[in-house]
Amino acid sequence: MRLNRFTVAALTTMAAMASVATMELPVQADTLKTHNFKVTITRNCPQGYVVCNNVTYTGTDLNTGKSIRLQGKTLHTTCADRVTPCRFIGYEFRNKNYRYVVTESGWLRIYQGSKLLLQEQGAWDY
C-alpha cells in the first residue's frame, strides 16, 4: 500500500489526537474511611459516563497496613425498561471467590460466595 503525503499527515494527526485523548482521561477518586479500613475508589472512565466498568479499589487495613488493589465496576438500579441503568448505588469488585461491595451510602461489605464476612459503615471523604 502506497501512502501519499496527505494520508501520512492525516494518520499522524489522528495518532496525536488519540494520544492526547488518552492523556486527558479524567480520573475521579473518592475515599471511604471505616473503623478498620481506608478504601480509595478511582473511576477510570471519562466524566459523564453513567456506567463505568473500569474502577479501581485500593483498600488498606488500618490495623495491619496491608493493602489490596482490585478492578471492578459501578452498580446501578435499572429503570422501568429493566435495561437502562438508573440510580447509582455503589461499586463491585471481585477477587476470586470474594466480592467487595462499596455503597454510595458508605457501607463496605465483603462476601465469600454468598456469605457476608465483613460489614462496616464509614464516611466518604470527597
C-alpha atoms as a PDB file:
ATOM      1  CA  MET A   1       0.000   0.000   0.000  1.00  0.00           C
ATOM      2  CA  ARG A   2       1.426   3.335  -1.038  1.00  0.00           C
ATOM      3  CA  LEU A   3       0.599   6.390   1.058  1.00  0.00           C
ATOM      4  CA  ASN A   4       0.714   9.936  -0.227  1.00  0.00           C
ATOM      5  CA  ARG A   5       1.814  12.859   1.965  1.00  0.00           C
ATOM      6  CA  PHE A   6      -1.804  13.859   2.752  1.00  0.00           C
ATOM      7  CA  THR A   7      -2.626  10.370   4.023  1.00  0.00           C
ATOM      8  CA  VAL A   8       0.542  10.307   6.135  1.00  0.00           C
ATOM      9  CA  ALA A   9      -0.300  13.756   7.564  1.00  0.00           C
ATOM     10  CA  ALA A  10      -3.857  12.671   8.374  1.00  0.00           C
ATOM     11  CA  LEU A  11      -2.658   9.464  10.074  1.00  0.00           C
ATOM     12  CA  THR A  12      -0.076  11.415  12.076  1.00  0.00           C
ATOM     13  CA  THR A  13      -2.726  13.909  13.201  1.00  0.00           C
ATOM     14  CA  MET A  14      -5.127  11.109  14.231  1.00  0.00           C
ATOM     15  CA  ALA A  15      -2.385   9.343  16.205  1.00  0.00           C
ATOM     16  CA  ALA A  16      -1.524  12.600  18.003  1.00  0.00           C
ATOM     17  CA  MET A  17      -5.198  13.215  18.813  1.00  0.00           C
ATOM     18  CA  ALA A  18      -5.572   9.684  20.195  1.00  0.00           C
ATOM     19  CA  SER A  19      -2.505  10.203  22.357  1.00  0.00           C
ATOM     20  CA  VAL A  20      -3.847  13.491  23.733  1.00  0.00           C
ATOM     21  CA  ALA A  21      -7.287  11.959  24.347  1.00  0.00           C
ATOM     22  CA  THR A  22      -5.684   9.192  26.398  1.00  0.00           C
ATOM     23  CA  MET A  23      -3.672  11.661  28.475  1.00  0.00           C
ATOM     24  CA  GLU A  24      -6.723  13.808  29.205  1.00  0.00           C
ATOM     25  CA  LEU A  25      -8.845  10.988  30.593  1.00  0.00           C
ATOM     26  CA  PRO A  26     -10.417  12.498  33.708  1.00  0.00           C
ATOM     27  CA  VAL A  27      -9.992  10.376  36.797  1.00  0.00           C
ATOM     28  CA  GLN A  28     -12.210  10.748  39.839  1.00  0.00           C
ATOM     29  CA  ALA A  29     -11.094   9.314  43.202  1.00  0.00           C
ATOM     30  CA  ASP A  30     -13.033   9.232  46.460  1.00  0.00           C
ATOM     31  CA  THR A  31     -12.062   7.741  49.814  1.00  0.00           C
ATOM     32  CA  LEU A  32     -14.257   5.847  52.249  1.00  0.00           C
ATOM     33  CA  LYS A  33     -12.957   5.621  55.815  1.00  0.00           C
ATOM     34  CA  THR A  34     -14.440   2.978  58.109  1.00  0.00           C
ATOM     35  CA  HIS A  35     -13.299   1.965  61.600  1.00  0.00           C
ATOM     36  CA  ASN A  36     -10.783  -0.558  60.236  1.00  0.00           C
ATOM     37  CA  PHE A  37     -10.293   0.314  56.565  1.00  0.00           C
ATOM     38  CA  LYS A  38      -9.422   3.125  54.216  1.00  0.00           C
ATOM     39  CA  VAL A  39     -10.791   2.458  50.736  1.00  0.00           C
ATOM     40  CA  THR A  40      -9.937   4.622  47.756  1.00  0.00           C
ATOM     41  CA  ILE A  41     -12.208   4.242  44.736  1.00  0.00           C
ATOM     42  CA  THR A  42     -10.903   5.563  41.418  1.00  0.00           C
ATOM     43  CA  ARG A  43     -13.242   5.812  38.436  1.00  0.00           C
ATOM     44  CA  ASN A  44     -11.055   5.423  35.350  1.00  0.00           C
ATOM     45  CA  CYS A  45     -13.788   6.418  32.887  1.00  0.00           C
ATOM     46  CA  PRO A  46     -14.415   9.799  31.297  1.00  0.00           C
ATOM     47  CA  GLN A  47     -16.543  12.133  33.375  1.00  0.00           C
ATOM     48  CA  GLY A  48     -20.206  11.919  32.466  1.00  0.00           C
ATOM     49  CA  TYR A  49     -20.260   8.162  31.848  1.00  0.00           C
ATOM     50  CA  VAL A  50     -23.170   6.656  33.774  1.00  0.00           C
ATOM     51  CA  VAL A  51     -21.776   3.124  33.755  1.00  0.00           C
ATOM     52  CA  CYS A  52     -18.063   2.562  34.370  1.00  0.00           C
ATOM     53  CA  ASN A  53     -16.504  -0.900  34.086  1.00  0.00           C
ATOM     54  CA  ASN A  54     -13.010   0.380  34.880  1.00  0.00           C
ATOM     55  CA  VAL A  55     -12.990   1.248  38.573  1.00  0.00           C
ATOM     56  CA  THR A  56     -10.034   0.659  40.911  1.00  0.00           C
ATOM     57  CA  TYR A  57     -10.401  -0.300  44.580  1.00  0.00           C
ATOM     58  CA  THR A  58      -7.402   0.266  46.833  1.00  0.00           C
ATOM     59  CA  GLY A  59      -8.193  -0.927  50.337  1.00  0.00           C
ATOM     60  CA  THR A  60      -5.855  -0.559  53.299  1.00  0.00           C
ATOM     61  CA  ASP A  61      -6.328  -2.327  56.626  1.00  0.00           C
ATOM     62  CA  LEU A  62      -5.709   0.399  59.211  1.00  0.00           C
ATOM     63  CA  ASN A  63      -4.594  -2.160  61.810  1.00  0.00           C
ATOM     64  CA  THR A  64      -2.002  -4.052  59.756  1.00  0.00           C
ATOM     65  CA  GLY A  65      -1.182  -1.596  56.975  1.00  0.00           C
ATOM     66  CA  LYS A  66      -1.749  -4.336  54.369  1.00  0.00           C
ATOM     67  CA  SER A  67      -3.495  -3.301  51.196  1.00  0.00           C
ATOM     68  CA  ILE A  68      -5.234  -4.841  48.216  1.00  0.00           C
ATOM     69  CA  ARG A  69      -5.913  -3.422  44.780  1.00  0.00           C
ATOM     70  CA  LEU A  70      -8.830  -4.678  42.686  1.00  0.00           C
ATOM     71  CA  GLN A  71     -10.583  -3.780  39.436  1.00  0.00           C
ATOM     72  CA  GLY A  72     -14.349  -3.525  39.283  1.00  0.00           C
ATOM     73  CA  LYS A  73     -17.405  -1.653  38.096  1.00  0.00           C
ATOM     74  CA  THR A  74     -20.195   0.677  39.125  1.00  0.00           C
ATOM     75  CA  LEU A  75     -23.546  -0.683  40.318  1.00  0.00           C
ATOM     76  CA  HIS A  76     -26.903   0.808  39.375  1.00  0.00           C
ATOM     77  CA  THR A  77     -30.581   0.085  39.725  1.00  0.00           C
ATOM     78  CA  THR A  78     -32.340  -0.402  36.397  1.00  0.00           C
ATOM     79  CA  CYS A  79     -35.068   1.848  35.049  1.00  0.00           C
ATOM     80  CA  ALA A  80     -38.620   0.740  34.269  1.00  0.00           C
ATOM     81  CA  ASP A  81     -37.487  -0.787  30.965  1.00  0.00           C
ATOM     82  CA  ARG A  82     -35.271  -3.176  33.018  1.00  0.00           C
ATOM     83  CA  VAL A  83     -32.314  -2.375  30.758  1.00  0.00           C
ATOM     84  CA  THR A  84     -31.291   1.259  31.218  1.00  0.00           C
ATOM     85  CA  PRO A  85     -29.133   1.989  34.273  1.00  0.00           C
ATOM     86  CA  CYS A  86     -30.834   4.466  36.609  1.00  0.00           C
ATOM     87  CA  ARG A  87     -29.755   5.332  40.141  1.00  0.00           C
ATOM     88  CA  PHE A  88     -26.120   4.791  41.107  1.00  0.00           C
ATOM     89  CA  ILE A  89     -25.876   2.548  44.197  1.00  0.00           C
ATOM     90  CA  GLY A  90     -22.152   1.789  44.508  1.00  0.00           C
ATOM     91  CA  TYR A  91     -19.283  -0.351  43.262  1.00  0.00           C
ATOM     92  CA  GLU A  92     -18.467  -4.046  42.981  1.00  0.00           C
ATOM     93  CA  PHE A  93     -15.026  -5.673  42.906  1.00  0.00           C
ATOM     94  CA  ARG A  94     -14.105  -9.349  42.697  1.00  0.00           C
ATOM     95  CA  ASN A  95     -11.088 -11.279  43.913  1.00  0.00           C
ATOM     96  CA  LYS A  96     -11.543 -14.975  43.132  1.00  0.00           C
ATOM     97  CA  ASN A  97     -14.422 -16.125  45.396  1.00  0.00           C
ATOM     98  CA  TYR A  98     -14.548 -12.804  47.273  1.00  0.00           C
ATOM     99  CA  ARG A  99     -16.813  -9.929  46.357  1.00  0.00           C
ATOM    100  CA  TYR A 100     -16.251  -6.430  47.687  1.00  0.00           C
ATOM    101  CA  VAL A 101     -19.208  -4.041  47.585  1.00  0.00           C
ATOM    102  CA  VAL A 102     -18.848  -0.359  48.441  1.00  0.00           C
ATOM    103  CA  THR A 103     -22.140   1.529  48.556  1.00  0.00           C
ATOM    104  CA  GLU A 104     -22.926   5.148  47.882  1.00  0.00           C
ATOM    105  CA  SER A 105     -24.238   5.370  51.453  1.00  0.00           C
ATOM    106  CA  GLY A 106     -20.822   4.388  52.841  1.00  0.00           C
ATOM    107  CA  TRP A 107     -21.058   0.665  53.529  1.00  0.00           C
ATOM    108  CA  LEU A 108     -18.123  -1.681  52.895  1.00  0.00           C
ATOM    109  CA  ARG A 109     -19.250  -5.288  52.575  1.00  0.00           C
ATOM    110  CA  ILE A 110     -17.060  -8.278  51.802  1.00  0.00           C
ATOM    111  CA  TYR A 111     -18.608 -11.595  50.806  1.00  0.00           C
ATOM    112  CA  GLN A 112     -17.120 -15.044  50.300  1.00  0.00           C
ATOM    113  CA  GLY A 113     -19.555 -16.604  47.890  1.00  0.00           C
ATOM    114  CA  SER A 114     -22.917 -15.595  49.371  1.00  0.00           C
ATOM    115  CA  LYS A 115     -21.637 -15.422  52.982  1.00  0.00           C
ATOM    116  CA  LEU A 116     -21.176 -11.919  54.419  1.00  0.00           C
ATOM    117  CA  LEU A 117     -17.721 -11.796  56.054  1.00  0.00           C
ATOM    118  CA  LEU A 118     -17.443  -8.118  56.903  1.00  0.00           C
ATOM    119  CA  GLN A 119     -19.739  -5.130  57.056  1.00  0.00           C
ATOM    120  CA  GLU A 120     -18.592  -1.700  58.190  1.00  0.00           C
ATOM    121  CA  GLN A 121     -20.113   1.711  57.671  1.00  0.00           C
ATOM    122  CA  GLY A 122     -17.853   4.646  57.047  1.00  0.00           C
ATOM    123  CA  ALA A 123     -17.824   8.196  55.805  1.00  0.00           C
ATOM    124  CA  TRP A 124     -16.883   9.401  52.355  1.00  0.00           C
ATOM    125  CA  ASP A 125     -14.077  11.941  52.080  1.00  0.00           C
ATOM    126  CA  TYR A 126     -14.774  13.703  48.782  1.00  0.00           C
END
